[in-house]
């Protein structure tokens, strides 16, 4: 079957999802309600940082190395997908080149310190420092390899123009983020209802589909599995990132590679820490 013929069957994907949802109708309400609650917490955490970060980028066109550091810092302080959103904005504005944007995507879209500490306490602090130790070398290498791009002659933005532009972009991003969270939370509830996984299987399903729901229900999750889930970020985060990067015409490959690497590295570190080594 040719690629063109295969694309003609794409309509079967949403049809299959609809049939699956109708087969277990009671799960729809539960999954959507839980997803909306998680989405609301994400909006509370991301709105102000996204608006401020976008405003700073629009008001100060020449921040030097701070331009490269901003996505990384926002990713650590504000969480998914603030790091990827700032990388996309920097690239769209011509502030960084494509290769540099892809290097930033490899490590800058991370789980935030407030999120980990609020939900996991001391274990959250441990996971945050593991994440920091494993990603900081990539930031240093990226800053050292940074090359200044030719300056673009653009008229400076007023505060009102920068703020309204940031608000509009943040609003679009947050609506999309909430949609992804609700979508994956619904399907996680559906799979748990149909497959009835137990133990590590259920924990892994929660963590690797929608991270917040998995971390919230942390009872019985081992440190290696929890660390791997935090490092990987979950499929919801990857879909959020892919949507943000599509408008900037950036590939999501570097982001996926980075999150897979971080998930494996943090999982391995969690295993050795659990064994007391």
C-alpha atoms as a PDB file:
ATOM      1  CA  UNK A   1       0.000   0.000   0.000  1.00  0.00           C
ATOM      2  CA  UNK A   2       1.407   3.383  -0.990  1.00  0.00           C
ATOM      3  CA  UNK A   3       1.821   6.238   1.445  1.00  0.00           C
ATOM      4  CA  UNK A   4      -0.927   8.209  -0.303  1.00  0.00           C
ATOM      5  CA  UNK A   5      -3.356   5.304  -0.021  1.00  0.00           C
ATOM      6  CA  UNK A   6      -2.480   4.835   3.620  1.00  0.00           C
ATOM      7  CA  UNK A   7      -3.182   8.509   4.342  1.00  0.00           C
ATOM      8  CA  UNK A   8      -6.657   7.929   2.947  1.00  0.00           C
ATOM      9  CA  UNK A   9      -7.320   5.640   5.923  1.00  0.00           C
ATOM     10  CA  UNK A  10      -6.461   8.271   8.535  1.00  0.00           C
ATOM     11  CA  UNK A  11     -10.177   8.844   9.176  1.00  0.00           C
ATOM     12  CA  UNK A  12     -10.249   5.415  10.840  1.00  0.00           C
ATOM     13  CA  UNK A  13      -8.128   6.729  13.731  1.00  0.00           C
ATOM     14  CA  UNK A  14     -10.695   9.195  15.168  1.00  0.00           C
ATOM     15  CA  UNK A  15     -13.449   6.714  14.315  1.00  0.00           C
ATOM     16  CA  UNK A  16     -11.725   3.985  16.329  1.00  0.00           C
ATOM     17  CA  UNK A  17     -11.233   6.392  19.236  1.00  0.00           C
ATOM     18  CA  UNK A  18     -14.919   7.344  19.161  1.00  0.00           C
ATOM     19  CA  UNK A  19     -16.042   3.715  19.160  1.00  0.00           C
ATOM     20  CA  UNK A  20     -13.676   2.943  22.035  1.00  0.00           C
ATOM     21  CA  UNK A  21     -15.028   5.868  24.070  1.00  0.00           C
ATOM     22  CA  UNK A  22     -18.656   4.883  23.459  1.00  0.00           C
ATOM     23  CA  UNK A  23     -17.866   1.321  24.539  1.00  0.00           C
ATOM     24  CA  UNK A  24     -17.090   2.589  28.064  1.00  0.00           C
ATOM     25  CA  UNK A  25     -19.258   5.742  28.375  1.00  0.00           C
ATOM     26  CA  UNK A  26     -18.919   6.097  32.131  1.00  0.00           C
ATOM     27  CA  UNK A  27     -15.200   6.713  31.774  1.00  0.00           C
ATOM     28  CA  UNK A  28     -15.753   9.837  29.678  1.00  0.00           C
ATOM     29  CA  UNK A  29     -17.068  11.980  32.524  1.00  0.00           C
ATOM     30  CA  UNK A  30     -14.442  10.769  34.990  1.00  0.00           C
ATOM     31  CA  UNK A  31     -11.545  11.285  32.585  1.00  0.00           C
ATOM     32  CA  UNK A  32     -12.650  14.712  31.380  1.00  0.00           C
ATOM     33  CA  UNK A  33     -13.323  15.990  34.903  1.00  0.00           C
ATOM     34  CA  UNK A  34      -9.927  14.831  36.125  1.00  0.00           C
ATOM     35  CA  UNK A  35      -8.248  16.245  33.026  1.00  0.00           C
ATOM     36  CA  UNK A  36      -9.909  19.632  33.501  1.00  0.00           C
ATOM     37  CA  UNK A  37      -8.752  19.763  37.131  1.00  0.00           C
ATOM     38  CA  UNK A  38      -5.173  19.024  36.059  1.00  0.00           C
ATOM     39  CA  UNK A  39      -5.449  21.562  33.224  1.00  0.00           C
ATOM     40  CA  UNK A  40      -6.603  24.242  35.660  1.00  0.00           C
ATOM     41  CA  UNK A  41      -3.537  23.674  37.839  1.00  0.00           C
ATOM     42  CA  UNK A  42      -1.345  23.929  34.729  1.00  0.00           C
ATOM     43  CA  UNK A  43      -2.956  27.249  33.768  1.00  0.00           C
ATOM     44  CA  UNK A  44      -2.298  28.629  37.265  1.00  0.00           C
ATOM     45  CA  UNK A  45       1.372  27.647  37.054  1.00  0.00           C
ATOM     46  CA  UNK A  46       2.090  28.713  33.469  1.00  0.00           C
ATOM     47  CA  UNK A  47       0.111  31.878  32.701  1.00  0.00           C
ATOM     48  CA  UNK A  48       2.260  34.506  34.429  1.00  0.00           C
ATOM     49  CA  UNK A  49       5.666  32.978  33.462  1.00  0.00           C
ATOM     50  CA  UNK A  50       4.661  32.611  29.801  1.00  0.00           C
ATOM     51  CA  UNK A  51       3.395  36.198  29.603  1.00  0.00           C
ATOM     52  CA  UNK A  52       6.442  37.635  31.370  1.00  0.00           C
ATOM     53  CA  UNK A  53       8.892  35.531  29.373  1.00  0.00           C
ATOM     54  CA  UNK A  54       7.312  36.533  26.070  1.00  0.00           C
ATOM     55  CA  UNK A  55       7.216  40.193  27.090  1.00  0.00           C
ATOM     56  CA  UNK A  56      10.907  40.192  28.027  1.00  0.00           C
ATOM     57  CA  UNK A  57      11.843  38.641  24.681  1.00  0.00           C
ATOM     58  CA  UNK A  58       9.848  41.284  22.804  1.00  0.00           C
ATOM     59  CA  UNK A  59      11.131  44.267  24.798  1.00  0.00           C
ATOM     60  CA  UNK A  60      14.834  43.375  24.946  1.00  0.00           C
ATOM     61  CA  UNK A  61      16.082  42.169  21.556  1.00  0.00           C
ATOM     62  CA  UNK A  62      19.725  41.809  22.638  1.00  0.00           C
ATOM     63  CA  UNK A  63      20.145  39.785  25.811  1.00  0.00           C
ATOM     64  CA  UNK A  64      23.349  38.006  24.785  1.00  0.00           C
ATOM     65  CA  UNK A  65      23.804  34.609  26.425  1.00  0.00           C
ATOM     66  CA  UNK A  66      20.680  35.244  28.538  1.00  0.00           C
ATOM     67  CA  UNK A  67      18.670  34.573  25.385  1.00  0.00           C
ATOM     68  CA  UNK A  68      19.896  30.976  25.390  1.00  0.00           C
ATOM     69  CA  UNK A  69      19.496  30.569  29.150  1.00  0.00           C
ATOM     70  CA  UNK A  70      15.900  31.835  29.305  1.00  0.00           C
ATOM     71  CA  UNK A  71      14.162  28.695  27.926  1.00  0.00           C
ATOM     72  CA  UNK A  72      16.194  26.477  30.248  1.00  0.00           C
ATOM     73  CA  UNK A  73      15.461  28.590  33.342  1.00  0.00           C
ATOM     74  CA  UNK A  74      11.755  28.868  32.532  1.00  0.00           C
ATOM     75  CA  UNK A  75      11.602  25.125  31.962  1.00  0.00           C
ATOM     76  CA  UNK A  76      13.020  24.426  35.422  1.00  0.00           C
ATOM     77  CA  UNK A  77      11.003  27.076  37.255  1.00  0.00           C
ATOM     78  CA  UNK A  78       7.679  26.866  35.378  1.00  0.00           C
ATOM     79  CA  UNK A  79       7.579  23.357  33.949  1.00  0.00           C
ATOM     80  CA  UNK A  80       6.214  21.908  30.728  1.00  0.00           C
ATOM     81  CA  UNK A  81       5.928  23.258  28.069  1.00  0.00           C
ATOM     82  CA  UNK A  82       7.359  26.693  28.969  1.00  0.00           C
ATOM     83  CA  UNK A  83      10.875  25.768  27.826  1.00  0.00           C
ATOM     84  CA  UNK A  84       9.746  24.570  24.404  1.00  0.00           C
ATOM     85  CA  UNK A  85       7.457  27.572  23.955  1.00  0.00           C
ATOM     86  CA  UNK A  86      10.309  30.000  24.596  1.00  0.00           C
ATOM     87  CA  UNK A  87      12.592  28.125  22.179  1.00  0.00           C
ATOM     88  CA  UNK A  88       9.907  28.369  19.487  1.00  0.00           C
ATOM     89  CA  UNK A  89       9.465  32.098  20.106  1.00  0.00           C
ATOM     90  CA  UNK A  90      13.213  32.749  19.994  1.00  0.00           C
ATOM     91  CA  UNK A  91      13.563  30.880  16.707  1.00  0.00           C
ATOM     92  CA  UNK A  92      10.481  32.504  15.139  1.00  0.00           C
ATOM     93  CA  UNK A  93      11.874  35.932  16.054  1.00  0.00           C
ATOM     94  CA  UNK A  94      15.207  35.117  14.401  1.00  0.00           C
ATOM     95  CA  UNK A  95      17.105  35.337  17.679  1.00  0.00           C
ATOM     96  CA  UNK A  96      18.659  31.870  17.391  1.00  0.00           C
ATOM     97  CA  UNK A  97      19.419  29.615  14.436  1.00  0.00           C
ATOM     98  CA  UNK A  98      17.692  26.304  13.772  1.00  0.00           C
ATOM     99  CA  UNK A  99      20.579  24.106  14.932  1.00  0.00           C
ATOM    100  CA  UNK A 100      20.819  26.056  18.178  1.00  0.00           C
ATOM    101  CA  UNK A 101      17.051  25.808  18.711  1.00  0.00           C
ATOM    102  CA  UNK A 102      17.240  22.039  18.317  1.00  0.00           C
ATOM    103  CA  UNK A 103      20.071  21.839  20.846  1.00  0.00           C
ATOM    104  CA  UNK A 104      17.968  23.863  23.296  1.00  0.00           C
ATOM    105  CA  UNK A 105      14.978  21.579  22.752  1.00  0.00           C
ATOM    106  CA  UNK A 106      17.107  18.596  23.696  1.00  0.00           C
ATOM    107  CA  UNK A 107      17.272  19.632  27.368  1.00  0.00           C
ATOM    108  CA  UNK A 108      15.275  22.802  28.133  1.00  0.00           C
ATOM    109  CA  UNK A 109      11.707  21.447  28.432  1.00  0.00           C
ATOM    110  CA  UNK A 110      11.658  20.053  31.972  1.00  0.00           C
ATOM    111  CA  UNK A 111       9.626  19.407  35.107  1.00  0.00           C
ATOM    112  CA  UNK A 112       9.468  22.406  37.449  1.00  0.00           C
ATOM    113  CA  UNK A 113      10.788  22.672  40.999  1.00  0.00           C
ATOM    114  CA  UNK A 114       7.465  23.936  42.499  1.00  0.00           C
ATOM    115  CA  UNK A 115       5.573  21.030  40.883  1.00  0.00           C
ATOM    116  CA  UNK A 116       7.977  18.341  42.129  1.00  0.00           C
ATOM    117  CA  UNK A 117       8.310  19.753  45.630  1.00  0.00           C
ATOM    118  CA  UNK A 118       4.560  20.343  46.101  1.00  0.00           C
ATOM    119  CA  UNK A 119       3.595  16.807  45.067  1.00  0.00           C
ATOM    120  CA  UNK A 120       6.610  14.731  46.106  1.00  0.00           C
ATOM    121  CA  UNK A 121       8.288  16.633  48.936  1.00  0.00           C
ATOM    122  CA  UNK A 122      11.864  15.464  49.572  1.00  0.00           C
ATOM    123  CA  UNK A 123      11.701  12.953  46.765  1.00  0.00           C
ATOM    124  CA  UNK A 124      10.697  15.810  44.489  1.00  0.00           C
ATOM    125  CA  UNK A 125      13.762  17.818  45.502  1.00  0.00           C
ATOM    126  CA  UNK A 126      15.949  14.791  44.811  1.00  0.00           C
ATOM    127  CA  UNK A 127      14.422  14.333  41.360  1.00  0.00           C
ATOM    128  CA  UNK A 128      14.783  18.035  40.579  1.00  0.00           C
ATOM    129  CA  UNK A 129      18.498  18.006  41.395  1.00  0.00           C
ATOM    130  CA  UNK A 130      18.963  14.847  39.331  1.00  0.00           C
ATOM    131  CA  UNK A 131      17.282  16.608  36.432  1.00  0.00           C
ATOM    132  CA  UNK A 132      19.450  19.702  36.975  1.00  0.00           C
ATOM    133  CA  UNK A 133      22.705  17.720  37.128  1.00  0.00           C
ATOM    134  CA  UNK A 134      21.890  15.814  33.940  1.00  0.00           C
ATOM    135  CA  UNK A 135      20.765  18.819  31.871  1.00  0.00           C
ATOM    136  CA  UNK A 136      23.061  21.647  33.016  1.00  0.00           C
ATOM    137  CA  UNK A 137      26.116  20.392  31.059  1.00  0.00           C
ATOM    138  CA  UNK A 138      24.089  20.641  27.842  1.00  0.00           C
ATOM    139  CA  UNK A 139      23.247  24.271  28.621  1.00  0.00           C
ATOM    140  CA  UNK A 140      26.895  25.108  29.248  1.00  0.00           C
ATOM    141  CA  UNK A 141      27.949  23.495  25.969  1.00  0.00           C
ATOM    142  CA  UNK A 142      25.196  25.317  24.092  1.00  0.00           C
ATOM    143  CA  UNK A 143      26.196  28.702  25.532  1.00  0.00           C
ATOM    144  CA  UNK A 144      29.871  28.091  24.742  1.00  0.00           C
ATOM    145  CA  UNK A 145      29.039  27.169  21.144  1.00  0.00           C
ATOM    146  CA  UNK A 146      26.702  30.117  20.677  1.00  0.00           C
ATOM    147  CA  UNK A 147      27.309  32.277  17.612  1.00  0.00           C
ATOM    148  CA  UNK A 148      25.819  35.735  17.296  1.00  0.00           C
ATOM    149  CA  UNK A 149      23.399  36.039  14.413  1.00  0.00           C
ATOM    150  CA  UNK A 150      23.381  39.083  12.151  1.00  0.00           C
ATOM    151  CA  UNK A 151      21.236  41.754  13.726  1.00  0.00           C
ATOM    152  CA  UNK A 152      17.874  42.429  12.175  1.00  0.00           C
ATOM    153  CA  UNK A 153      16.824  46.015  11.737  1.00  0.00           C
ATOM    154  CA  UNK A 154      13.472  45.984  13.538  1.00  0.00           C
ATOM    155  CA  UNK A 155      11.661  48.839  15.191  1.00  0.00           C
ATOM    156  CA  UNK A 156      11.414  48.439  18.993  1.00  0.00           C
ATOM    157  CA  UNK A 157       8.078  47.384  20.436  1.00  0.00           C
ATOM    158  CA  UNK A 158       6.217  49.461  22.968  1.00  0.00           C
ATOM    159  CA  UNK A 159       5.331  47.936  26.331  1.00  0.00           C
ATOM    160  CA  UNK A 160       1.662  47.645  25.346  1.00  0.00           C
ATOM    161  CA  UNK A 161       2.503  45.930  22.040  1.00  0.00           C
ATOM    162  CA  UNK A 162       4.892  43.495  23.740  1.00  0.00           C
ATOM    163  CA  UNK A 163       2.412  42.712  26.512  1.00  0.00           C
ATOM    164  CA  UNK A 164      -0.590  42.197  24.229  1.00  0.00           C
ATOM    165  CA  UNK A 165       1.471  39.993  21.919  1.00  0.00           C
ATOM    166  CA  UNK A 166       2.617  37.889  24.857  1.00  0.00           C
ATOM    167  CA  UNK A 167      -0.920  37.607  26.247  1.00  0.00           C
ATOM    168  CA  UNK A 168      -2.293  36.469  22.897  1.00  0.00           C
ATOM    169  CA  UNK A 169       0.433  33.877  22.385  1.00  0.00           C
ATOM    170  CA  UNK A 170       0.169  32.616  25.967  1.00  0.00           C
ATOM    171  CA  UNK A 171      -3.607  32.275  25.623  1.00  0.00           C
ATOM    172  CA  UNK A 172      -3.316  30.214  22.451  1.00  0.00           C
ATOM    173  CA  UNK A 173      -0.658  28.019  24.029  1.00  0.00           C
ATOM    174  CA  UNK A 174      -2.580  27.417  27.262  1.00  0.00           C
ATOM    175  CA  UNK A 175      -5.766  26.407  25.434  1.00  0.00           C
ATOM    176  CA  UNK A 176      -3.793  23.852  23.442  1.00  0.00           C
ATOM    177  CA  UNK A 177      -1.983  22.585  26.555  1.00  0.00           C
ATOM    178  CA  UNK A 178      -5.305  22.091  28.370  1.00  0.00           C
ATOM    179  CA  UNK A 179      -6.714  20.170  25.394  1.00  0.00           C
ATOM    180  CA  UNK A 180      -3.742  17.784  25.392  1.00  0.00           C
ATOM    181  CA  UNK A 181      -4.022  17.210  29.143  1.00  0.00           C
ATOM    182  CA  UNK A 182      -7.753  16.416  28.957  1.00  0.00           C
ATOM    183  CA  UNK A 183      -7.217  14.135  25.943  1.00  0.00           C
ATOM    184  CA  UNK A 184      -4.536  11.972  27.551  1.00  0.00           C
ATOM    185  CA  UNK A 185      -6.181  11.918  30.960  1.00  0.00           C
ATOM    186  CA  UNK A 186      -9.352  10.619  29.351  1.00  0.00           C
ATOM    187  CA  UNK A 187      -7.493   7.830  27.544  1.00  0.00           C
ATOM    188  CA  UNK A 188      -5.519   6.909  30.618  1.00  0.00           C
ATOM    189  CA  UNK A 189      -8.803   6.478  32.522  1.00  0.00           C
ATOM    190  CA  UNK A 190     -10.212   4.457  29.614  1.00  0.00           C
ATOM    191  CA  UNK A 191      -7.213   2.128  29.460  1.00  0.00           C
ATOM    192  CA  UNK A 192      -7.212   1.649  33.236  1.00  0.00           C
ATOM    193  CA  UNK A 193     -10.911   0.760  33.092  1.00  0.00           C
ATOM    194  CA  UNK A 194     -10.574  -1.689  30.209  1.00  0.00           C
ATOM    195  CA  UNK A 195      -7.180  -3.265  30.908  1.00  0.00           C
ATOM    196  CA  UNK A 196      -7.322  -3.006  34.715  1.00  0.00           C
ATOM    197  CA  UNK A 197      -3.529  -2.902  35.155  1.00  0.00           C
ATOM    198  CA  UNK A 198      -2.107  -3.269  38.639  1.00  0.00           C
ATOM    199  CA  UNK A 199       1.117  -2.398  40.403  1.00  0.00           C
ATOM    200  CA  UNK A 200       3.960  -1.099  38.260  1.00  0.00           C
ATOM    201  CA  UNK A 201       1.891  -1.445  35.068  1.00  0.00           C
ATOM    202  CA  UNK A 202      -0.733   0.976  36.329  1.00  0.00           C
ATOM    203  CA  UNK A 203       1.905   3.372  37.683  1.00  0.00           C
ATOM    204  CA  UNK A 204       3.781   3.314  34.386  1.00  0.00           C
ATOM    205  CA  UNK A 205       0.591   3.909  32.401  1.00  0.00           C
ATOM    206  CA  UNK A 206      -0.237   6.919  34.546  1.00  0.00           C
ATOM    207  CA  UNK A 207       3.276   8.387  34.446  1.00  0.00           C
ATOM    208  CA  UNK A 208       4.026   7.920  30.762  1.00  0.00           C
ATOM    209  CA  UNK A 209       0.668   9.124  29.416  1.00  0.00           C
ATOM    210  CA  UNK A 210      -0.058  12.186  31.575  1.00  0.00           C
ATOM    211  CA  UNK A 211       2.632  12.961  34.127  1.00  0.00           C
ATOM    212  CA  UNK A 212       0.625  15.049  36.603  1.00  0.00           C
ATOM    213  CA  UNK A 213      -1.984  12.361  37.148  1.00  0.00           C
ATOM    214  CA  UNK A 214       0.754   9.769  37.604  1.00  0.00           C
ATOM    215  CA  UNK A 215       2.708  11.819  40.122  1.00  0.00           C
ATOM    216  CA  UNK A 216      -0.458  12.716  42.041  1.00  0.00           C
ATOM    217  CA  UNK A 217      -1.281   9.013  42.468  1.00  0.00           C
ATOM    218  CA  UNK A 218       2.243   8.144  43.580  1.00  0.00           C
ATOM    219  CA  UNK A 219       1.316   5.443  46.103  1.00  0.00           C
ATOM    220  CA  UNK A 220       3.489   2.398  45.539  1.00  0.00           C
ATOM    221  CA  UNK A 221       5.579   3.900  42.742  1.00  0.00           C
ATOM    222  CA  UNK A 222       9.236   2.929  43.075  1.00  0.00           C
ATOM    223  CA  UNK A 223      11.899   5.629  42.853  1.00  0.00           C
ATOM    224  CA  UNK A 224      13.403   4.352  39.541  1.00  0.00           C
ATOM    225  CA  UNK A 225      10.006   4.302  37.819  1.00  0.00           C
ATOM    226  CA  UNK A 226       9.068   7.702  39.234  1.00  0.00           C
ATOM    227  CA  UNK A 227      12.412   9.191  38.170  1.00  0.00           C
ATOM    228  CA  UNK A 228      12.076   7.745  34.667  1.00  0.00           C
ATOM    229  CA  UNK A 229       8.546   9.143  34.341  1.00  0.00           C
ATOM    230  CA  UNK A 230       9.609  12.622  35.481  1.00  0.00           C
ATOM    231  CA  UNK A 231      12.551  12.591  33.081  1.00  0.00           C
ATOM    232  CA  UNK A 232      10.469  11.369  30.135  1.00  0.00           C
ATOM    233  CA  UNK A 233       7.642  13.820  30.783  1.00  0.00           C
ATOM    234  CA  UNK A 234       4.718  11.830  29.384  1.00  0.00           C
ATOM    235  CA  UNK A 235       3.007  11.633  25.990  1.00  0.00           C
ATOM    236  CA  UNK A 236       0.804  14.621  26.834  1.00  0.00           C
ATOM    237  CA  UNK A 237       3.898  16.820  27.134  1.00  0.00           C
ATOM    238  CA  UNK A 238       5.283  15.543  23.839  1.00  0.00           C
ATOM    239  CA  UNK A 239       2.057  16.318  22.006  1.00  0.00           C
ATOM    240  CA  UNK A 240       1.986  19.777  23.601  1.00  0.00           C
ATOM    241  CA  UNK A 241       5.550  20.371  22.449  1.00  0.00           C
ATOM    242  CA  UNK A 242       4.906  19.091  18.928  1.00  0.00           C
ATOM    243  CA  UNK A 243       2.009  21.528  18.555  1.00  0.00           C
ATOM    244  CA  UNK A 244       4.082  24.476  19.770  1.00  0.00           C
ATOM    245  CA  UNK A 245       6.956  23.627  17.442  1.00  0.00           C
ATOM    246  CA  UNK A 246       4.814  23.072  14.360  1.00  0.00           C
ATOM    247  CA  UNK A 247       4.008  26.784  14.031  1.00  0.00           C
ATOM    248  CA  UNK A 248       7.721  27.605  14.214  1.00  0.00           C
ATOM    249  CA  UNK A 249       8.477  24.783  11.735  1.00  0.00           C
ATOM    250  CA  UNK A 250      10.869  23.126  14.151  1.00  0.00           C
ATOM    251  CA  UNK A 251      11.216  19.362  14.353  1.00  0.00           C
ATOM    252  CA  UNK A 252      10.219  17.630  17.584  1.00  0.00           C
ATOM    253  CA  UNK A 253      12.926  14.987  17.091  1.00  0.00           C
ATOM    254  CA  UNK A 254      15.509  16.660  19.342  1.00  0.00           C
ATOM    255  CA  UNK A 255      12.955  17.118  22.117  1.00  0.00           C
ATOM    256  CA  UNK A 256      11.882  13.457  21.979  1.00  0.00           C
ATOM    257  CA  UNK A 257      15.499  12.283  21.921  1.00  0.00           C
ATOM    258  CA  UNK A 258      16.338  14.477  24.890  1.00  0.00           C
ATOM    259  CA  UNK A 259      13.370  13.306  26.961  1.00  0.00           C
ATOM    260  CA  UNK A 260      14.090   9.636  26.200  1.00  0.00           C
ATOM    261  CA  UNK A 261      17.721  10.154  27.242  1.00  0.00           C
ATOM    262  CA  UNK A 262      16.713  12.006  30.401  1.00  0.00           C
ATOM    263  CA  UNK A 263      14.110   9.375  31.304  1.00  0.00           C
ATOM    264  CA  UNK A 264      16.619   6.541  30.968  1.00  0.00           C
ATOM    265  CA  UNK A 265      19.355   8.434  32.821  1.00  0.00           C
ATOM    266  CA  UNK A 266      17.098   9.462  35.692  1.00  0.00           C
ATOM    267  CA  UNK A 267      15.621   5.979  35.920  1.00  0.00           C
ATOM    268  CA  UNK A 268      19.108   4.492  36.183  1.00  0.00           C
ATOM    269  CA  UNK A 269      20.129   7.073  38.786  1.00  0.00           C
ATOM    270  CA  UNK A 270      16.969   6.343  40.774  1.00  0.00           C
ATOM    271  CA  UNK A 271      17.761   2.618  40.696  1.00  0.00           C
ATOM    272  CA  UNK A 272      21.250   3.121  42.133  1.00  0.00           C
ATOM    273  CA  UNK A 273      20.008   5.604  44.728  1.00  0.00           C
ATOM    274  CA  UNK A 274      17.332   3.143  45.823  1.00  0.00           C
ATOM    275  CA  UNK A 275      19.985   0.487  46.306  1.00  0.00           C
ATOM    276  CA  UNK A 276      21.940   2.912  48.441  1.00  0.00           C
ATOM    277  CA  UNK A 277      24.921   3.165  46.110  1.00  0.00           C
END
